[in-house]
Each structure stands twice: as structure tokens, then as C-alpha cells.
Amino acid sequence: MRTGKKGILSDRYSDIETGEVIRTFSLPLNGTEFLFVDLSATFLNQREGLF
């Protein structure tokens, strides 16, 4: 991720606290900071063609 300067989307997994199926989008912002966004299965299913 760091060398390609692109975001990546994780495999589906269950959140440890809620049990909800999610995926995490990770994006490098600079050399030391990253953005991580958890995306719910509902969100992903509504936008299936985008991911």
C-alpha cells in the first residue's frame, strides 16, 4: 500500500465487538499516516459495482 500509494480493501471479516460483517479500506495519506475506514456489508452491497 505504501509503495503503490493506492488504497486497498480488506477481505470480509466479522467485527470483534458487534459481529457485523465489514471490510476495511486503507489509504496512505503520507509517509507516516494512514486512513482506515470500516465499511458495513449493507454499504458494500448497495454499491456492489464500486468495490
PDB file of N, CA and C in Angstrom:
ATOM      1  N   MET A   1       0.843  -1.194   0.000  1.00  0.00           N
ATOM      2  CA  MET A   1       0.000   0.000   0.000  1.00  0.00           C
ATOM      3  C   MET A   1       0.878   1.244   0.000  1.00  0.00           C
ATOM      4  N   ARG A   2       1.902   1.243   0.811  1.00  0.00           N
ATOM      5  CA  ARG A   2       2.747   2.430   0.930  1.00  0.00           C
ATOM      6  C   ARG A   2       3.510   2.705  -0.358  1.00  0.00           C
ATOM      7  N   THR A   3       4.043   1.661  -0.990  1.00  0.00           N
ATOM      8  CA  THR A   3       4.846   1.862  -2.188  1.00  0.00           C
ATOM      9  C   THR A   3       3.990   2.187  -3.407  1.00  0.00           C
ATOM     10  N   GLY A   4       2.776   1.622  -3.480  1.00  0.00           N
ATOM     11  CA  GLY A   4       1.898   1.879  -4.609  1.00  0.00           C
ATOM     12  C   GLY A   4       1.076   3.141  -4.462  1.00  0.00           C
ATOM     13  N   LYS A   5       1.056   3.693  -3.242  1.00  0.00           N
ATOM     14  CA  LYS A   5       0.287   4.904  -2.945  1.00  0.00           C
ATOM     15  C   LYS A   5      -1.188   4.765  -3.338  1.00  0.00           C
ATOM     16  N   LYS A   6      -1.713   3.544  -3.216  1.00  0.00           N
ATOM     17  CA  LYS A   6      -3.112   3.281  -3.516  1.00  0.00           C
ATOM     18  C   LYS A   6      -3.790   2.715  -2.285  1.00  0.00           C
ATOM     19  N   GLY A   7      -5.081   2.900  -2.236  1.00  0.00           N
ATOM     20  CA  GLY A   7      -5.845   2.308  -1.155  1.00  0.00           C
ATOM     21  C   GLY A   7      -6.124   0.847  -1.440  1.00  0.00           C
ATOM     22  N   ILE A   8      -6.372   0.087  -0.383  1.00  0.00           N
ATOM     23  CA  ILE A   8      -6.729  -1.318  -0.547  1.00  0.00           C
ATOM     24  C   ILE A   8      -7.960  -1.625   0.291  1.00  0.00           C
ATOM     25  N   LEU A   9      -8.698  -2.649  -0.132  1.00  0.00           N
ATOM     26  CA  LEU A   9      -9.900  -3.080   0.563  1.00  0.00           C
ATOM     27  C   LEU A   9      -9.653  -4.476   1.108  1.00  0.00           C
ATOM     28  N   SER A  10      -9.863  -4.649   2.399  1.00  0.00           N
ATOM     29  CA  SER A  10      -9.606  -5.939   3.036  1.00  0.00           C
ATOM     30  C   SER A  10     -10.640  -6.975   2.609  1.00  0.00           C
ATOM     31  N   ASP A  11     -10.362  -8.216   2.951  1.00  0.00           N
ATOM     32  CA  ASP A  11     -11.360  -9.270   2.829  1.00  0.00           C
ATOM     33  C   ASP A  11     -12.456  -9.000   3.854  1.00  0.00           C
ATOM     34  N   ARG A  12     -13.592  -9.653   3.670  1.00  0.00           N
ATOM     35  CA  ARG A  12     -14.669  -9.515   4.651  1.00  0.00           C
ATOM     36  C   ARG A  12     -14.263 -10.209   5.948  1.00  0.00           C
ATOM     37  N   TYR A  13     -14.665  -9.611   7.067  1.00  0.00           N
ATOM     38  CA  TYR A  13     -14.428 -10.220   8.373  1.00  0.00           C
ATOM     39  C   TYR A  13     -15.485  -9.736   9.348  1.00  0.00           C
ATOM     40  N   SER A  14     -15.617 -10.407  10.475  1.00  0.00           N
ATOM     41  CA  SER A  14     -16.596 -10.024  11.496  1.00  0.00           C
ATOM     42  C   SER A  14     -15.961  -9.103  12.511  1.00  0.00           C
ATOM     43  N   ASP A  15     -16.636  -7.987  12.777  1.00  0.00           N
ATOM     44  CA  ASP A  15     -16.173  -7.049  13.799  1.00  0.00           C
ATOM     45  C   ASP A  15     -16.186  -7.745  15.147  1.00  0.00           C
ATOM     46  N   ILE A  16     -15.123  -7.595  15.910  1.00  0.00           N
ATOM     47  CA  ILE A  16     -14.976  -8.305  17.183  1.00  0.00           C
ATOM     48  C   ILE A  16     -16.000  -7.851  18.227  1.00  0.00           C
ATOM     49  N   GLU A  17     -16.459  -6.606  18.153  1.00  0.00           N
ATOM     50  CA  GLU A  17     -17.408  -6.103  19.154  1.00  0.00           C
ATOM     51  C   GLU A  17     -18.856  -6.322  18.755  1.00  0.00           C
ATOM     52  N   THR A  18     -19.182  -6.094  17.470  1.00  0.00           N
ATOM     53  CA  THR A  18     -20.578  -6.158  17.037  1.00  0.00           C
ATOM     54  C   THR A  18     -20.935  -7.445  16.306  1.00  0.00           C
ATOM     55  N   GLY A  19     -19.934  -8.142  15.762  1.00  0.00           N
ATOM     56  CA  GLY A  19     -20.195  -9.337  14.967  1.00  0.00           C
ATOM     57  C   GLY A  19     -20.630  -9.023  13.550  1.00  0.00           C
ATOM     58  N   GLU A  20     -20.750  -7.729  13.229  1.00  0.00           N
ATOM     59  CA  GLU A  20     -21.162  -7.313  11.893  1.00  0.00           C
ATOM     60  C   GLU A  20     -20.065  -7.632  10.879  1.00  0.00           C
ATOM     61  N   VAL A  21     -20.495  -8.078   9.693  1.00  0.00           N
ATOM     62  CA  VAL A  21     -19.535  -8.345   8.624  1.00  0.00           C
ATOM     63  C   VAL A  21     -19.136  -7.016   7.991  1.00  0.00           C
ATOM     64  N   ILE A  22     -17.832  -6.750   7.964  1.00  0.00           N
ATOM     65  CA  ILE A  22     -17.320  -5.490   7.432  1.00  0.00           C
ATOM     66  C   ILE A  22     -16.081  -5.743   6.590  1.00  0.00           C
ATOM     67  N   ARG A  23     -15.652  -4.704   5.910  1.00  0.00           N
ATOM     68  CA  ARG A  23     -14.367  -4.667   5.224  1.00  0.00           C
ATOM     69  C   ARG A  23     -13.725  -3.333   5.589  1.00  0.00           C
ATOM     70  N   THR A  24     -12.407  -3.276   5.577  1.00  0.00           N
ATOM     71  CA  THR A  24     -11.712  -2.043   5.908  1.00  0.00           C
ATOM     72  C   THR A  24     -10.975  -1.522   4.683  1.00  0.00           C
ATOM     73  N   PHE A  25     -11.211  -0.256   4.359  1.00  0.00           N
ATOM     74  CA  PHE A  25     -10.491   0.426   3.293  1.00  0.00           C
ATOM     75  C   PHE A  25      -9.330   1.166   3.940  1.00  0.00           C
ATOM     76  N   SER A  26      -8.115   0.940   3.427  1.00  0.00           N
ATOM     77  CA  SER A  26      -6.902   1.556   3.975  1.00  0.00           C
ATOM     78  C   SER A  26      -6.230   2.387   2.898  1.00  0.00           C
ATOM     79  N   LEU A  27      -5.850   3.619   3.248  1.00  0.00           N
ATOM     80  CA  LEU A  27      -5.261   4.543   2.284  1.00  0.00           C
ATOM     81  C   LEU A  27      -4.091   5.278   2.921  1.00  0.00           C
ATOM     82  N   PRO A  28      -2.905   5.235   2.304  1.00  0.00           N
ATOM     83  CA  PRO A  28      -1.790   6.006   2.857  1.00  0.00           C
ATOM     84  C   PRO A  28      -2.000   7.497   2.573  1.00  0.00           C
ATOM     85  N   LEU A  29      -1.845   8.331   3.591  1.00  0.00           N
ATOM     86  CA  LEU A  29      -2.003   9.774   3.422  1.00  0.00           C
ATOM     87  C   LEU A  29      -0.662  10.446   3.152  1.00  0.00           C
ATOM     88  N   ASN A  30       0.357   9.937   3.830  1.00  0.00           N
ATOM     89  CA  ASN A  30       1.729  10.415   3.625  1.00  0.00           C
ATOM     90  C   ASN A  30       2.663   9.318   4.123  1.00  0.00           C
ATOM     91  N   GLY A  31       3.905   9.622   4.374  1.00  0.00           N
ATOM     92  CA  GLY A  31       4.860   8.611   4.780  1.00  0.00           C
ATOM     93  C   GLY A  31       4.635   8.004   6.150  1.00  0.00           C
ATOM     94  N   THR A  32       3.857   8.669   6.995  1.00  0.00           N
ATOM     95  CA  THR A  32       3.669   8.177   8.364  1.00  0.00           C
ATOM     96  C   THR A  32       2.219   8.041   8.796  1.00  0.00           C
ATOM     97  N   GLU A  33       1.274   8.512   7.984  1.00  0.00           N
ATOM     98  CA  GLU A  33      -0.138   8.484   8.382  1.00  0.00           C
ATOM     99  C   GLU A  33      -0.970   7.709   7.364  1.00  0.00           C
ATOM    100  N   PHE A  34      -1.981   7.016   7.915  1.00  0.00           N
ATOM    101  CA  PHE A  34      -2.876   6.212   7.091  1.00  0.00           C
ATOM    102  C   PHE A  34      -4.314   6.497   7.484  1.00  0.00           C
ATOM    103  N   LEU A  35      -5.218   6.325   6.549  1.00  0.00           N
ATOM    104  CA  LEU A  35      -6.652   6.444   6.804  1.00  0.00           C
ATOM    105  C   LEU A  35      -7.243   5.045   6.730  1.00  0.00           C
ATOM    106  N   PHE A  36      -8.009   4.659   7.763  1.00  0.00           N
ATOM    107  CA  PHE A  36      -8.683   3.370   7.795  1.00  0.00           C
ATOM    108  C   PHE A  36     -10.170   3.623   7.972  1.00  0.00           C
ATOM    109  N   VAL A  37     -10.991   3.060   7.079  1.00  0.00           N
ATOM    110  CA  VAL A  37     -12.436   3.248   7.140  1.00  0.00           C
ATOM    111  C   VAL A  37     -13.102   1.885   7.109  1.00  0.00           C
ATOM    112  N   ASP A  38     -13.904   1.572   8.130  1.00  0.00           N
ATOM    113  CA  ASP A  38     -14.660   0.327   8.142  1.00  0.00           C
ATOM    114  C   ASP A  38     -15.952   0.530   7.356  1.00  0.00           C
ATOM    115  N   LEU A  39     -16.228  -0.423   6.464  1.00  0.00           N
ATOM    116  CA  LEU A  39     -17.410  -0.353   5.616  1.00  0.00           C
ATOM    117  C   LEU A  39     -18.308  -1.551   5.912  1.00  0.00           C
ATOM    118  N   SER A  40     -19.574  -1.287   6.193  1.00  0.00           N
ATOM    119  CA  SER A  40     -20.506  -2.357   6.537  1.00  0.00           C
ATOM    120  C   SER A  40     -20.898  -3.153   5.290  1.00  0.00           C
ATOM    121  N   ALA A  41     -21.352  -4.373   5.512  1.00  0.00           N
ATOM    122  CA  ALA A  41     -21.821  -5.217   4.418  1.00  0.00           C
ATOM    123  C   ALA A  41     -22.998  -4.549   3.706  1.00  0.00           C
ATOM    124  N   THR A  42     -23.864  -3.884   4.451  1.00  0.00           N
ATOM    125  CA  THR A  42     -25.002  -3.179   3.852  1.00  0.00           C
ATOM    126  C   THR A  42     -24.518  -2.117   2.877  1.00  0.00           C
ATOM    127  N   PHE A  43     -23.563  -1.312   3.295  1.00  0.00           N
ATOM    128  CA  PHE A  43     -22.994  -0.274   2.433  1.00  0.00           C
ATOM    129  C   PHE A  43     -22.384  -0.899   1.181  1.00  0.00           C
ATOM    130  N   LEU A  44     -21.603  -1.954   1.369  1.00  0.00           N
ATOM    131  CA  LEU A  44     -20.937  -2.597   0.237  1.00  0.00           C
ATOM    132  C   LEU A  44     -21.932  -3.236  -0.726  1.00  0.00           C
ATOM    133  N   ASN A  45     -22.983  -3.858  -0.191  1.00  0.00           N
ATOM    134  CA  ASN A  45     -23.994  -4.487  -1.044  1.00  0.00           C
ATOM    135  C   ASN A  45     -24.739  -3.461  -1.887  1.00  0.00           C
ATOM    136  N   GLN A  46     -24.966  -2.282  -1.347  1.00  0.00           N
ATOM    137  CA  GLN A  46     -25.669  -1.231  -2.084  1.00  0.00           C
ATOM    138  C   GLN A  46     -24.805  -0.667  -3.204  1.00  0.00           C
ATOM    139  N   ARG A  47     -23.493  -0.803  -3.075  1.00  0.00           N
ATOM    140  CA  ARG A  47     -22.553  -0.245  -4.054  1.00  0.00           C
ATOM    141  C   ARG A  47     -21.680  -1.341  -4.637  1.00  0.00           C
ATOM    142  N   GLU A  48     -22.263  -2.487  -4.879  1.00  0.00           N
ATOM    143  CA  GLU A  48     -21.528  -3.684  -5.272  1.00  0.00           C
ATOM    144  C   GLU A  48     -20.587  -3.466  -6.450  1.00  0.00           C
ATOM    145  N   GLY A  49     -20.962  -2.715  -7.447  1.00  0.00           N
ATOM    146  CA  GLY A  49     -20.133  -2.487  -8.606  1.00  0.00           C
ATOM    147  C   GLY A  49     -18.929  -1.601  -8.362  1.00  0.00           C
ATOM    148  N   LEU A  50     -18.916  -0.865  -7.263  1.00  0.00           N
ATOM    149  CA  LEU A  50     -17.820   0.056  -6.982  1.00  0.00           C
ATOM    150  C   LEU A  50     -16.623  -0.623  -6.337  1.00  0.00           C
ATOM    151  N   PHE A  51     -16.845  -1.762  -5.697  1.00  0.00           N
ATOM    152  CA  PHE A  51     -15.776  -2.429  -4.960  1.00  0.00           C
ATOM    153  C   PHE A  51     -15.555  -3.770  -5.565  1.00  0.00           C
TER     154      PHE A  51
END
